Amino acid sequence: MAAANDWDLIDYLSVLGVLLQIMNYQTDLKQSSNDDLLKELQHQDRDYLERILNNQKQIIELLTNKD
C-alpha cells in the first residue's frame, strides 16, 4: 500500500491546475469590475462633453445676439 506522502506527477499537475483555475476566476472577477468602471467612465465622458457643447452653443448664441 502506498503512503500518503507518495505524490505522482499527475497529483502535482492536478493541484497546479486547480490553483490556476482559481487565479483565472479571480482575474475574471477583476476584469468584470474593470469593464463596469470603463463603461461608467465613458458614460460620464459623454455627459461632460454634451454639457460642454451645450455651453458653447449658448455662448455663441449670446455673442451673436449681442450684435
PDB file of N, CA and C in Angstrom:
ATOM      1  N   MET A   1       0.844  -1.173   0.000  1.00  0.00           N
ATOM      2  CA  MET A   1       0.000   0.000   0.000  1.00  0.00           C
ATOM      3  C   MET A   1       0.891   1.239   0.000  1.00  0.00           C
ATOM      4  N   ALA A   2       0.506   2.234  -0.788  1.00  0.00           N
ATOM      5  CA  ALA A   2       1.314   3.436  -0.912  1.00  0.00           C
ATOM      6  C   ALA A   2       1.030   4.374   0.251  1.00  0.00           C
ATOM      7  N   ALA A   3       2.073   5.046   0.705  1.00  0.00           N
ATOM      8  CA  ALA A   3       1.925   6.005   1.801  1.00  0.00           C
ATOM      9  C   ALA A   3       1.274   7.286   1.279  1.00  0.00           C
ATOM     10  N   ALA A   4       0.749   8.099   2.202  1.00  0.00           N
ATOM     11  CA  ALA A   4       0.061   9.336   1.832  1.00  0.00           C
ATOM     12  C   ALA A   4       1.027  10.367   1.248  1.00  0.00           C
ATOM     13  N   ASN A   5       2.310  10.234   1.489  1.00  0.00           N
ATOM     14  CA  ASN A   5       3.301  11.196   1.010  1.00  0.00           C
ATOM     15  C   ASN A   5       3.782  10.894  -0.405  1.00  0.00           C
ATOM     16  N   ASP A   6       3.320   9.804  -0.970  1.00  0.00           N
ATOM     17  CA  ASP A   6       3.754   9.428  -2.321  1.00  0.00           C
ATOM     18  C   ASP A   6       2.871  10.127  -3.357  1.00  0.00           C
ATOM     19  N   TRP A   7       3.388  11.234  -3.865  1.00  0.00           N
ATOM     20  CA  TRP A   7       2.647  12.007  -4.865  1.00  0.00           C
ATOM     21  C   TRP A   7       3.269  11.757  -6.228  1.00  0.00           C
ATOM     22  N   ASP A   8       2.455  11.502  -7.184  1.00  0.00           N
ATOM     23  CA  ASP A   8       2.914  11.340  -8.560  1.00  0.00           C
ATOM     24  C   ASP A   8       2.884  12.692  -9.255  1.00  0.00           C
ATOM     25  N   LEU A   9       3.462  12.722 -10.412  1.00  0.00           N
ATOM     26  CA  LEU A   9       3.450  13.937 -11.214  1.00  0.00           C
ATOM     27  C   LEU A   9       2.022  14.374 -11.524  1.00  0.00           C
ATOM     28  N   ILE A  10       1.151  13.426 -11.752  1.00  0.00           N
ATOM     29  CA  ILE A  10      -0.260  13.728 -12.043  1.00  0.00           C
ATOM     30  C   ILE A  10      -0.895  14.461 -10.862  1.00  0.00           C
ATOM     31  N   ASP A  11      -0.579  14.063  -9.652  1.00  0.00           N
ATOM     32  CA  ASP A  11      -1.134  14.727  -8.460  1.00  0.00           C
ATOM     33  C   ASP A  11      -0.685  16.186  -8.396  1.00  0.00           C
ATOM     34  N   TYR A  12       0.588  16.425  -8.642  1.00  0.00           N
ATOM     35  CA  TYR A  12       1.108  17.796  -8.636  1.00  0.00           C
ATOM     36  C   TYR A  12       0.456  18.636  -9.738  1.00  0.00           C
ATOM     37  N   LEU A  13       0.311  18.043 -10.906  1.00  0.00           N
ATOM     38  CA  LEU A  13      -0.310  18.760 -12.012  1.00  0.00           C
ATOM     39  C   LEU A  13      -1.782  19.071 -11.714  1.00  0.00           C
ATOM     40  N   SER A  14      -2.456  18.155 -11.040  1.00  0.00           N
ATOM     41  CA  SER A  14      -3.860  18.391 -10.681  1.00  0.00           C
ATOM     42  C   SER A  14      -3.985  19.564  -9.714  1.00  0.00           C
ATOM     43  N   VAL A  15      -3.124  19.605  -8.711  1.00  0.00           N
ATOM     44  CA  VAL A  15      -3.140  20.703  -7.742  1.00  0.00           C
ATOM     45  C   VAL A  15      -2.799  22.018  -8.457  1.00  0.00           C
ATOM     46  N   LEU A  16      -1.807  21.984  -9.323  1.00  0.00           N
ATOM     47  CA  LEU A  16      -1.435  23.169 -10.075  1.00  0.00           C
ATOM     48  C   LEU A  16      -2.594  23.637 -10.961  1.00  0.00           C
ATOM     49  N   GLY A  17      -3.296  22.695 -11.572  1.00  0.00           N
ATOM     50  CA  GLY A  17      -4.442  23.027 -12.409  1.00  0.00           C
ATOM     51  C   GLY A  17      -5.538  23.717 -11.619  1.00  0.00           C
ATOM     52  N   VAL A  18      -5.810  23.234 -10.418  1.00  0.00           N
ATOM     53  CA  VAL A  18      -6.835  23.850  -9.570  1.00  0.00           C
ATOM     54  C   VAL A  18      -6.409  25.263  -9.176  1.00  0.00           C
ATOM     55  N   LEU A  19      -5.151  25.433  -8.809  1.00  0.00           N
ATOM     56  CA  LEU A  19      -4.655  26.765  -8.447  1.00  0.00           C
ATOM     57  C   LEU A  19      -4.763  27.735  -9.616  1.00  0.00           C
ATOM     58  N   LEU A  20      -4.432  27.272 -10.815  1.00  0.00           N
ATOM     59  CA  LEU A  20      -4.541  28.135 -11.989  1.00  0.00           C
ATOM     60  C   LEU A  20      -5.995  28.500 -12.286  1.00  0.00           C
ATOM     61  N   GLN A  21      -6.907  27.575 -12.060  1.00  0.00           N
ATOM     62  CA  GLN A  21      -8.331  27.870 -12.261  1.00  0.00           C
ATOM     63  C   GLN A  21      -8.808  28.927 -11.270  1.00  0.00           C
ATOM     64  N   ILE A  22      -8.353  28.840 -10.039  1.00  0.00           N
ATOM     65  CA  ILE A  22      -8.720  29.839  -9.027  1.00  0.00           C
ATOM     66  C   ILE A  22      -8.176  31.208  -9.422  1.00  0.00           C
ATOM     67  N   MET A  23      -6.916  31.247  -9.848  1.00  0.00           N
ATOM     68  CA  MET A  23      -6.321  32.520 -10.265  1.00  0.00           C
ATOM     69  C   MET A  23      -7.062  33.095 -11.471  1.00  0.00           C
ATOM     70  N   ASN A  24      -7.449  32.223 -12.402  1.00  0.00           N
ATOM     71  CA  ASN A  24      -8.181  32.650 -13.580  1.00  0.00           C
ATOM     72  C   ASN A  24      -9.544  33.221 -13.195  1.00  0.00           C
ATOM     73  N   TYR A  25     -10.202  32.585 -12.247  1.00  0.00           N
ATOM     74  CA  TYR A  25     -11.508  33.053 -11.766  1.00  0.00           C
ATOM     75  C   TYR A  25     -11.372  34.441 -11.130  1.00  0.00           C
ATOM     76  N   GLN A  26     -10.339  34.632 -10.322  1.00  0.00           N
ATOM     77  CA  GLN A  26     -10.122  35.937  -9.696  1.00  0.00           C
ATOM     78  C   GLN A  26      -9.849  37.011 -10.746  1.00  0.00           C
ATOM     79  N   THR A  27      -9.092  36.663 -11.770  1.00  0.00           N
ATOM     80  CA  THR A  27      -8.814  37.608 -12.848  1.00  0.00           C
ATOM     81  C   THR A  27     -10.100  37.968 -13.587  1.00  0.00           C
ATOM     82  N   ASP A  28     -10.949  36.976 -13.824  1.00  0.00           N
ATOM     83  CA  ASP A  28     -12.228  37.236 -14.496  1.00  0.00           C
ATOM     84  C   ASP A  28     -13.091  38.179 -13.670  1.00  0.00           C
ATOM     85  N   LEU A  29     -13.100  38.008 -12.354  1.00  0.00           N
ATOM     86  CA  LEU A  29     -13.882  38.895 -11.493  1.00  0.00           C
ATOM     87  C   LEU A  29     -13.361  40.319 -11.564  1.00  0.00           C
ATOM     88  N   LYS A  30     -12.054  40.481 -11.546  1.00  0.00           N
ATOM     89  CA  LYS A  30     -11.461  41.814 -11.648  1.00  0.00           C
ATOM     90  C   LYS A  30     -11.765  42.433 -12.999  1.00  0.00           C
ATOM     91  N   GLN A  31     -11.711  41.635 -14.057  1.00  0.00           N
ATOM     92  CA  GLN A  31     -11.969  42.142 -15.398  1.00  0.00           C
ATOM     93  C   GLN A  31     -13.404  42.638 -15.515  1.00  0.00           C
ATOM     94  N   SER A  32     -14.337  41.922 -14.906  1.00  0.00           N
ATOM     95  CA  SER A  32     -15.731  42.351 -14.933  1.00  0.00           C
ATOM     96  C   SER A  32     -15.880  43.708 -14.269  1.00  0.00           C
ATOM     97  N   SER A  33     -15.241  43.879 -13.126  1.00  0.00           N
ATOM     98  CA  SER A  33     -15.365  45.162 -12.440  1.00  0.00           C
ATOM     99  C   SER A  33     -14.652  46.256 -13.227  1.00  0.00           C
ATOM    100  N   ASN A  34     -13.557  45.933 -13.903  1.00  0.00           N
ATOM    101  CA  ASN A  34     -12.870  46.918 -14.747  1.00  0.00           C
ATOM    102  C   ASN A  34     -13.758  47.328 -15.918  1.00  0.00           C
ATOM    103  N   ASP A  35     -14.449  46.366 -16.511  1.00  0.00           N
ATOM    104  CA  ASP A  35     -15.346  46.679 -17.619  1.00  0.00           C
ATOM    105  C   ASP A  35     -16.476  47.591 -17.157  1.00  0.00           C
ATOM    106  N   ASP A  36     -17.010  47.323 -15.969  1.00  0.00           N
ATOM    107  CA  ASP A  36     -18.073  48.172 -15.423  1.00  0.00           C
ATOM    108  C   ASP A  36     -17.571  49.592 -15.191  1.00  0.00           C
ATOM    109  N   LEU A  37     -16.371  49.707 -14.653  1.00  0.00           N
ATOM    110  CA  LEU A  37     -15.784  51.029 -14.433  1.00  0.00           C
ATOM    111  C   LEU A  37     -15.568  51.771 -15.746  1.00  0.00           C
ATOM    112  N   LEU A  38     -15.086  51.063 -16.735  1.00  0.00           N
ATOM    113  CA  LEU A  38     -14.834  51.683 -18.032  1.00  0.00           C
ATOM    114  C   LEU A  38     -16.140  52.191 -18.654  1.00  0.00           C
ATOM    115  N   LYS A  39     -17.204  51.400 -18.554  1.00  0.00           N
ATOM    116  CA  LYS A  39     -18.499  51.826 -19.081  1.00  0.00           C
ATOM    117  C   LYS A  39     -18.989  53.081 -18.371  1.00  0.00           C
ATOM    118  N   GLU A  40     -18.850  53.110 -17.069  1.00  0.00           N
ATOM    119  CA  GLU A  40     -19.292  54.280 -16.304  1.00  0.00           C
ATOM    120  C   GLU A  40     -18.468  55.510 -16.667  1.00  0.00           C
ATOM    121  N   LEU A  41     -17.166  55.351 -16.824  1.00  0.00           N
ATOM    122  CA  LEU A  41     -16.318  56.478 -17.215  1.00  0.00           C
ATOM    123  C   LEU A  41     -16.673  56.992 -18.608  1.00  0.00           C
ATOM    124  N   GLN A  42     -16.972  56.088 -19.524  1.00  0.00           N
ATOM    125  CA  GLN A  42     -17.377  56.510 -20.859  1.00  0.00           C
ATOM    126  C   GLN A  42     -18.697  57.274 -20.806  1.00  0.00           C
ATOM    127  N   HIS A  43     -19.612  56.812 -19.978  1.00  0.00           N
ATOM    128  CA  HIS A  43     -20.893  57.496 -19.799  1.00  0.00           C
ATOM    129  C   HIS A  43     -20.674  58.907 -19.242  1.00  0.00           C
ATOM    130  N   GLN A  44     -19.830  59.022 -18.243  1.00  0.00           N
ATOM    131  CA  GLN A  44     -19.532  60.326 -17.655  1.00  0.00           C
ATOM    132  C   GLN A  44     -18.859  61.249 -18.679  1.00  0.00           C
ATOM    133  N   ASP A  45     -17.959  60.703 -19.468  1.00  0.00           N
ATOM    134  CA  ASP A  45     -17.285  61.498 -20.500  1.00  0.00           C
ATOM    135  C   ASP A  45     -18.286  62.033 -21.517  1.00  0.00           C
ATOM    136  N   ARG A  46     -19.229  61.181 -21.932  1.00  0.00           N
ATOM    137  CA  ARG A  46     -20.250  61.612 -22.886  1.00  0.00           C
ATOM    138  C   ARG A  46     -21.104  62.731 -22.310  1.00  0.00           C
ATOM    139  N   ASP A  47     -21.525  62.563 -21.049  1.00  0.00           N
ATOM    140  CA  ASP A  47     -22.332  63.605 -20.389  1.00  0.00           C
ATOM    141  C   ASP A  47     -21.561  64.911 -20.279  1.00  0.00           C
ATOM    142  N   TYR A  48     -20.312  64.826 -19.905  1.00  0.00           N
ATOM    143  CA  TYR A  48     -19.474  66.012 -19.756  1.00  0.00           C
ATOM    144  C   TYR A  48     -19.290  66.719 -21.101  1.00  0.00           C
ATOM    145  N   LEU A  49     -19.052  65.951 -22.148  1.00  0.00           N
ATOM    146  CA  LEU A  49     -18.888  66.526 -23.484  1.00  0.00           C
ATOM    147  C   LEU A  49     -20.183  67.201 -23.941  1.00  0.00           C
ATOM    148  N   GLU A  50     -21.316  66.569 -23.672  1.00  0.00           N
ATOM    149  CA  GLU A  50     -22.598  67.174 -24.024  1.00  0.00           C
ATOM    150  C   GLU A  50     -22.791  68.516 -23.325  1.00  0.00           C
ATOM    151  N   ARG A  51     -22.460  68.566 -22.052  1.00  0.00           N
ATOM    152  CA  ARG A  51     -22.579  69.826 -21.307  1.00  0.00           C
ATOM    153  C   ARG A  51     -21.664  70.900 -21.883  1.00  0.00           C
ATOM    154  N   ILE A  52     -20.460  70.524 -22.229  1.00  0.00           N
ATOM    155  CA  ILE A  52     -19.522  71.486 -22.823  1.00  0.00           C
ATOM    156  C   ILE A  52     -20.080  72.017 -24.138  1.00  0.00           C
ATOM    157  N   LEU A  53     -20.572  71.129 -24.972  1.00  0.00           N
ATOM    158  CA  LEU A  53     -21.109  71.554 -26.267  1.00  0.00           C
ATOM    159  C   LEU A  53     -22.332  72.450 -26.091  1.00  0.00           C
ATOM    160  N   ASN A  54     -23.193  72.122 -25.151  1.00  0.00           N
ATOM    161  CA  ASN A  54     -24.363  72.961 -24.890  1.00  0.00           C
ATOM    162  C   ASN A  54     -23.955  74.337 -24.378  1.00  0.00           C
ATOM    163  N   ASN A  55     -22.974  74.367 -23.510  1.00  0.00           N
ATOM    164  CA  ASN A  55     -22.484  75.652 -23.004  1.00  0.00           C
ATOM    165  C   ASN A  55     -21.870  76.489 -24.126  1.00  0.00           C
ATOM    166  N   GLN A  56     -21.120  75.852 -24.990  1.00  0.00           N
ATOM    167  CA  GLN A  56     -20.533  76.574 -26.116  1.00  0.00           C
ATOM    168  C   GLN A  56     -21.622  77.119 -27.043  1.00  0.00           C
ATOM    169  N   LYS A  57     -22.645  76.314 -27.270  1.00  0.00           N
ATOM    170  CA  LYS A  57     -23.749  76.763 -28.108  1.00  0.00           C
ATOM    171  C   LYS A  57     -24.441  77.979 -27.499  1.00  0.00           C
ATOM    172  N   GLN A  58     -24.644  77.950 -26.187  1.00  0.00           N
ATOM    173  CA  GLN A  58     -25.265  79.093 -25.508  1.00  0.00           C
ATOM    174  C   GLN A  58     -24.383  80.341 -25.605  1.00  0.00           C
ATOM    175  N   ILE A  59     -23.100  80.158 -25.463  1.00  0.00           N
ATOM    176  CA  ILE A  59     -22.168  81.287 -25.546  1.00  0.00           C
ATOM    177  C   ILE A  59     -22.205  81.888 -26.941  1.00  0.00           C
ATOM    178  N   ILE A  60     -22.194  81.032 -27.953  1.00  0.00           N
ATOM    179  CA  ILE A  60     -22.240  81.506 -29.329  1.00  0.00           C
ATOM    180  C   ILE A  60     -23.553  82.245 -29.588  1.00  0.00           C
ATOM    181  N   GLU A  61     -24.663  81.724 -29.072  1.00  0.00           N
ATOM    182  CA  GLU A  61     -25.953  82.400 -29.245  1.00  0.00           C
ATOM    183  C   GLU A  61     -25.953  83.756 -28.571  1.00  0.00           C
ATOM    184  N   LEU A  62     -25.385  83.832 -27.378  1.00  0.00           N
ATOM    185  CA  LEU A  62     -25.317  85.110 -26.688  1.00  0.00           C
ATOM    186  C   LEU A  62     -24.442  86.106 -27.444  1.00  0.00           C
ATOM    187  N   LEU A  63     -23.344  85.642 -27.976  1.00  0.00           N
ATOM    188  CA  LEU A  63     -22.456  86.521 -28.715  1.00  0.00           C
ATOM    189  C   LEU A  63     -23.070  86.992 -30.031  1.00  0.00           C
ATOM    190  N   THR A  64     -23.783  86.125 -30.704  1.00  0.00           N
ATOM    191  CA  THR A  64     -24.405  86.519 -31.983  1.00  0.00           C
ATOM    192  C   THR A  64     -25.615  87.418 -31.759  1.00  0.00           C
ATOM    193  N   ASN A  65     -26.327  87.263 -30.654  1.00  0.00           N
ATOM    194  CA  ASN A  65     -27.481  88.111 -30.360  1.00  0.00           C
ATOM    195  C   ASN A  65     -27.073  89.496 -29.861  1.00  0.00           C
ATOM    196  N   LYS A  66     -25.865  89.599 -29.392  1.00  0.00           N
ATOM    197  CA  LYS A  66     -25.391  90.861 -28.834  1.00  0.00           C
ATOM    198  C   LYS A  66     -25.180  91.899 -29.936  1.00  0.00           C
ATOM    199  N   ASP A  67     -24.845  91.443 -31.133  1.00  0.00           N
ATOM    200  CA  ASP A  67     -24.570  92.372 -32.251  1.00  0.00           C
ATOM    201  C   ASP A  67     -25.789  92.963 -32.807  1.00  0.00           C
TER     202      ASP A  67
END
